Amino acid sequence: MARLIVDTSGYLIGTIPKHPLYGDVREVLTGADQPPVVSPLVVAEIDYMVLDKAGVEQELAVIDDLTGGAYELPDLDSDDLRAARHLVAKHRDLRIGLTDAVNAVLAERYETNEILTADQRHFRTVTPLTRRFDAFRLLPFDR
């Protein structure tokens, strides 16, 4: 398996046992041969949603999960944000947002096209920044 970039929806679905995609998402995560990559922007979105919907105790559990070594939490620099800004501008009609654009930038950095997400609308339209791939492989859908 190539390196896996985790989007907000992909992570959150993996924490909700009643979600119809829960089992598939957990299978993708446990099948990863390297720690899946979670951007700081995805971490912020996850934190906001979990705190809002489930409270502080669940928020703390998520922070523990994200920092426990199972995930890679990369730094971003101004070059990453400039590249993401370019994608946001290029796809302004889609309103992809900075978080999805950063995920595409990280996919280039990690030389992968695999993204764990339920967001097919954005990631089926945006193409990988590297010429090595024609399209993103959206998991768990494209298994």
C-alpha atoms as a PDB file:
ATOM      1  CA  MET A   1       0.000   0.000   0.000  1.00  0.00           C
ATOM      2  CA  ALA A   2       1.223   3.506  -0.831  1.00  0.00           C
ATOM      3  CA  ARG A   3       1.396   6.209   1.810  1.00  0.00           C
ATOM      4  CA  LEU A   4      -2.077   7.230   2.968  1.00  0.00           C
ATOM      5  CA  ILE A   5      -3.243  10.825   3.459  1.00  0.00           C
ATOM      6  CA  VAL A   6      -6.139  11.027   5.943  1.00  0.00           C
ATOM      7  CA  ASP A   7      -8.880  13.583   5.369  1.00  0.00           C
ATOM      8  CA  THR A   8     -11.199  14.793   8.118  1.00  0.00           C
ATOM      9  CA  SER A   9     -14.140  12.655   7.016  1.00  0.00           C
ATOM     10  CA  GLY A  10     -11.969   9.552   6.727  1.00  0.00           C
ATOM     11  CA  TYR A  11     -10.670   9.909  10.262  1.00  0.00           C
ATOM     12  CA  LEU A  12     -14.055  10.729  11.774  1.00  0.00           C
ATOM     13  CA  ILE A  13     -15.819   7.804  10.079  1.00  0.00           C
ATOM     14  CA  GLY A  14     -13.196   5.547  11.638  1.00  0.00           C
ATOM     15  CA  THR A  15     -14.358   6.669  15.086  1.00  0.00           C
ATOM     16  CA  ILE A  16     -18.087   6.042  14.561  1.00  0.00           C
ATOM     17  CA  PRO A  17     -18.871   2.307  14.754  1.00  0.00           C
ATOM     18  CA  LYS A  18     -22.455   2.837  13.540  1.00  0.00           C
ATOM     19  CA  HIS A  19     -21.345   4.562  10.316  1.00  0.00           C
ATOM     20  CA  PRO A  20     -21.908   2.365   7.232  1.00  0.00           C
ATOM     21  CA  LEU A  21     -18.273   2.849   6.112  1.00  0.00           C
ATOM     22  CA  TYR A  22     -16.743   2.290   9.558  1.00  0.00           C
ATOM     23  CA  GLY A  23     -15.535  -1.258   8.898  1.00  0.00           C
ATOM     24  CA  ASP A  24     -14.072  -0.351   5.519  1.00  0.00           C
ATOM     25  CA  VAL A  25     -12.268   2.692   6.937  1.00  0.00           C
ATOM     26  CA  ARG A  26     -10.863   0.696   9.869  1.00  0.00           C
ATOM     27  CA  GLU A  27      -9.652  -1.954   7.423  1.00  0.00           C
ATOM     28  CA  VAL A  28      -7.835   0.668   5.350  1.00  0.00           C
ATOM     29  CA  LEU A  29      -6.226   2.182   8.452  1.00  0.00           C
ATOM     30  CA  THR A  30      -5.131  -1.124   9.949  1.00  0.00           C
ATOM     31  CA  GLY A  31      -3.830  -2.277   6.565  1.00  0.00           C
ATOM     32  CA  ALA A  32      -1.493   0.697   6.186  1.00  0.00           C
ATOM     33  CA  ASP A  33       2.146  -0.403   6.237  1.00  0.00           C
ATOM     34  CA  GLN A  34       3.333   3.075   7.292  1.00  0.00           C
ATOM     35  CA  PRO A  35       1.701   5.593   9.634  1.00  0.00           C
ATOM     36  CA  PRO A  36      -1.090   7.426   7.793  1.00  0.00           C
ATOM     37  CA  VAL A  37      -0.448  11.150   7.347  1.00  0.00           C
ATOM     38  CA  VAL A  38      -2.764  13.676   9.041  1.00  0.00           C
ATOM     39  CA  SER A  39      -2.227  17.366   8.296  1.00  0.00           C
ATOM     40  CA  PRO A  40      -2.440  20.002  11.033  1.00  0.00           C
ATOM     41  CA  LEU A  41      -5.495  21.431   9.268  1.00  0.00           C
ATOM     42  CA  VAL A  42      -7.263  18.069   9.403  1.00  0.00           C
ATOM     43  CA  VAL A  43      -6.348  17.800  13.099  1.00  0.00           C
ATOM     44  CA  ALA A  44      -7.947  21.209  13.703  1.00  0.00           C
ATOM     45  CA  GLU A  45     -11.133  20.252  11.845  1.00  0.00           C
ATOM     46  CA  ILE A  46     -11.362  16.942  13.711  1.00  0.00           C
ATOM     47  CA  ASP A  47     -10.872  18.678  17.054  1.00  0.00           C
ATOM     48  CA  TYR A  48     -13.537  21.286  16.327  1.00  0.00           C
ATOM     49  CA  MET A  49     -16.107  18.697  15.236  1.00  0.00           C
ATOM     50  CA  VAL A  50     -15.434  16.211  18.027  1.00  0.00           C
ATOM     51  CA  LEU A  51     -15.510  18.885  20.733  1.00  0.00           C
ATOM     52  CA  ASP A  52     -18.729  20.347  19.316  1.00  0.00           C
ATOM     53  CA  LYS A  53     -20.557  17.024  18.896  1.00  0.00           C
ATOM     54  CA  ALA A  54     -19.073  14.726  21.550  1.00  0.00           C
ATOM     55  CA  GLY A  55     -17.494  16.879  24.265  1.00  0.00           C
ATOM     56  CA  VAL A  56     -14.140  17.284  25.952  1.00  0.00           C
ATOM     57  CA  GLU A  57     -13.611  13.651  27.010  1.00  0.00           C
ATOM     58  CA  GLN A  58     -13.944  12.427  23.426  1.00  0.00           C
ATOM     59  CA  GLU A  59     -11.775  15.318  22.249  1.00  0.00           C
ATOM     60  CA  LEU A  60      -9.040  14.209  24.665  1.00  0.00           C
ATOM     61  CA  ALA A  61      -9.346  10.613  23.422  1.00  0.00           C
ATOM     62  CA  VAL A  62      -8.915  11.792  19.829  1.00  0.00           C
ATOM     63  CA  ILE A  63      -5.865  13.881  20.754  1.00  0.00           C
ATOM     64  CA  ASP A  64      -4.378  10.823  22.467  1.00  0.00           C
ATOM     65  CA  ASP A  65      -5.099   8.710  19.384  1.00  0.00           C
ATOM     66  CA  LEU A  66      -3.542  11.223  16.996  1.00  0.00           C
ATOM     67  CA  THR A  67      -0.422  11.703  19.117  1.00  0.00           C
ATOM     68  CA  GLY A  68       0.059   8.071  20.132  1.00  0.00           C
ATOM     69  CA  GLY A  69       2.370   7.209  17.249  1.00  0.00           C
ATOM     70  CA  ALA A  70      -0.117   5.569  14.892  1.00  0.00           C
ATOM     71  CA  TYR A  71      -0.204   8.653  12.642  1.00  0.00           C
ATOM     72  CA  GLU A  72       2.385  10.939  11.122  1.00  0.00           C
ATOM     73  CA  LEU A  73       1.673  14.610  11.816  1.00  0.00           C
ATOM     74  CA  PRO A  74       3.743  16.617   9.321  1.00  0.00           C
ATOM     75  CA  ASP A  75       4.696  20.251   9.577  1.00  0.00           C
ATOM     76  CA  LEU A  76       3.562  22.709   6.931  1.00  0.00           C
ATOM     77  CA  ASP A  77       5.593  25.621   5.657  1.00  0.00           C
ATOM     78  CA  SER A  78       4.838  28.682   3.562  1.00  0.00           C
ATOM     79  CA  ASP A  79       5.712  26.813   0.344  1.00  0.00           C
ATOM     80  CA  ASP A  80       3.066  24.203   1.184  1.00  0.00           C
ATOM     81  CA  LEU A  81       0.497  26.920   1.816  1.00  0.00           C
ATOM     82  CA  ARG A  82       1.399  28.720  -1.417  1.00  0.00           C
ATOM     83  CA  ALA A  83       0.947  25.479  -3.367  1.00  0.00           C
ATOM     84  CA  ALA A  84      -2.384  24.914  -1.600  1.00  0.00           C
ATOM     85  CA  ARG A  85      -3.430  28.487  -2.368  1.00  0.00           C
ATOM     86  CA  HIS A  86      -2.722  27.818  -6.045  1.00  0.00           C
ATOM     87  CA  LEU A  87      -5.092  24.824  -5.938  1.00  0.00           C
ATOM     88  CA  VAL A  88      -7.792  26.806  -4.143  1.00  0.00           C
ATOM     89  CA  ALA A  89      -7.558  29.507  -6.825  1.00  0.00           C
ATOM     90  CA  LYS A  90      -7.426  27.006  -9.698  1.00  0.00           C
ATOM     91  CA  HIS A  91     -10.527  25.207  -8.421  1.00  0.00           C
ATOM     92  CA  ARG A  92     -12.357  28.223  -7.033  1.00  0.00           C
ATOM     93  CA  ASP A  93     -15.643  27.003  -8.520  1.00  0.00           C
ATOM     94  CA  LEU A  94     -15.408  23.858  -6.351  1.00  0.00           C
ATOM     95  CA  ARG A  95     -14.616  25.802  -3.170  1.00  0.00           C
ATOM     96  CA  ILE A  96     -12.258  23.003  -2.134  1.00  0.00           C
ATOM     97  CA  GLY A  97     -10.926  24.875   0.865  1.00  0.00           C
ATOM     98  CA  LEU A  98      -7.456  25.013   2.319  1.00  0.00           C
ATOM     99  CA  THR A  99      -7.665  21.676   4.144  1.00  0.00           C
ATOM    100  CA  ASP A 100      -8.370  19.627   1.004  1.00  0.00           C
ATOM    101  CA  ALA A 101      -5.794  21.618  -0.944  1.00  0.00           C
ATOM    102  CA  VAL A 102      -3.164  20.909   1.723  1.00  0.00           C
ATOM    103  CA  ASN A 103      -4.048  17.212   1.537  1.00  0.00           C
ATOM    104  CA  ALA A 104      -3.285  17.323  -2.191  1.00  0.00           C
ATOM    105  CA  VAL A 105       0.027  19.069  -1.463  1.00  0.00           C
ATOM    106  CA  LEU A 106       0.907  16.440   1.139  1.00  0.00           C
ATOM    107  CA  ALA A 107       0.034  13.693  -1.343  1.00  0.00           C
ATOM    108  CA  GLU A 108       2.669  15.168  -3.641  1.00  0.00           C
ATOM    109  CA  ARG A 109       5.211  15.382  -0.802  1.00  0.00           C
ATOM    110  CA  TYR A 110       4.655  11.750   0.157  1.00  0.00           C
ATOM    111  CA  GLU A 111       4.465  10.621  -3.498  1.00  0.00           C
ATOM    112  CA  THR A 112       1.038   9.060  -3.144  1.00  0.00           C
ATOM    113  CA  ASN A 113      -2.416   9.391  -4.596  1.00  0.00           C
ATOM    114  CA  GLU A 114      -4.215   7.543  -1.787  1.00  0.00           C
ATOM    115  CA  ILE A 115      -6.569   9.619   0.338  1.00  0.00           C
ATOM    116  CA  LEU A 116      -8.853   8.254   3.046  1.00  0.00           C
ATOM    117  CA  THR A 117     -11.964  10.373   2.598  1.00  0.00           C
ATOM    118  CA  ALA A 118     -15.690  10.414   2.007  1.00  0.00           C
ATOM    119  CA  ASP A 119     -15.257  13.626  -0.030  1.00  0.00           C
ATOM    120  CA  GLN A 120     -15.623  12.321  -3.549  1.00  0.00           C
ATOM    121  CA  ARG A 121     -16.871  15.645  -4.897  1.00  0.00           C
ATOM    122  CA  HIS A 122     -13.556  17.446  -4.441  1.00  0.00           C
ATOM    123  CA  PHE A 123     -11.024  14.671  -4.783  1.00  0.00           C
ATOM    124  CA  ARG A 124     -12.594  13.186  -7.938  1.00  0.00           C
ATOM    125  CA  THR A 125     -12.211  16.563  -9.652  1.00  0.00           C
ATOM    126  CA  VAL A 126      -8.838  17.786  -8.375  1.00  0.00           C
ATOM    127  CA  THR A 127      -5.920  15.921  -9.917  1.00  0.00           C
ATOM    128  CA  PRO A 128      -2.712  15.027  -8.086  1.00  0.00           C
ATOM    129  CA  LEU A 129       0.074  17.587  -8.324  1.00  0.00           C
ATOM    130  CA  THR A 130       2.589  14.970  -9.380  1.00  0.00           C
ATOM    131  CA  ARG A 131       2.473  13.718 -12.955  1.00  0.00           C
ATOM    132  CA  ARG A 132       3.054  10.208 -11.651  1.00  0.00           C
ATOM    133  CA  PHE A 133      -0.688   9.815 -11.002  1.00  0.00           C
ATOM    134  CA  ASP A 134      -3.684  10.680 -13.168  1.00  0.00           C
ATOM    135  CA  ALA A 135      -6.189  10.740 -10.312  1.00  0.00           C
ATOM    136  CA  PHE A 136      -6.502  10.348  -6.590  1.00  0.00           C
ATOM    137  CA  ARG A 137      -7.358   6.910  -5.271  1.00  0.00           C
ATOM    138  CA  LEU A 138     -10.127   7.506  -2.752  1.00  0.00           C
ATOM    139  CA  LEU A 139     -10.331   4.973   0.006  1.00  0.00           C
ATOM    140  CA  PRO A 140     -12.293   3.053   0.997  1.00  0.00           C
ATOM    141  CA  PHE A 141     -14.212   3.475  -2.288  1.00  0.00           C
ATOM    142  CA  ASP A 142     -11.439   2.565  -4.734  1.00  0.00           C
ATOM    143  CA  ARG A 143     -10.256  -0.654  -3.107  1.00  0.00           C
END
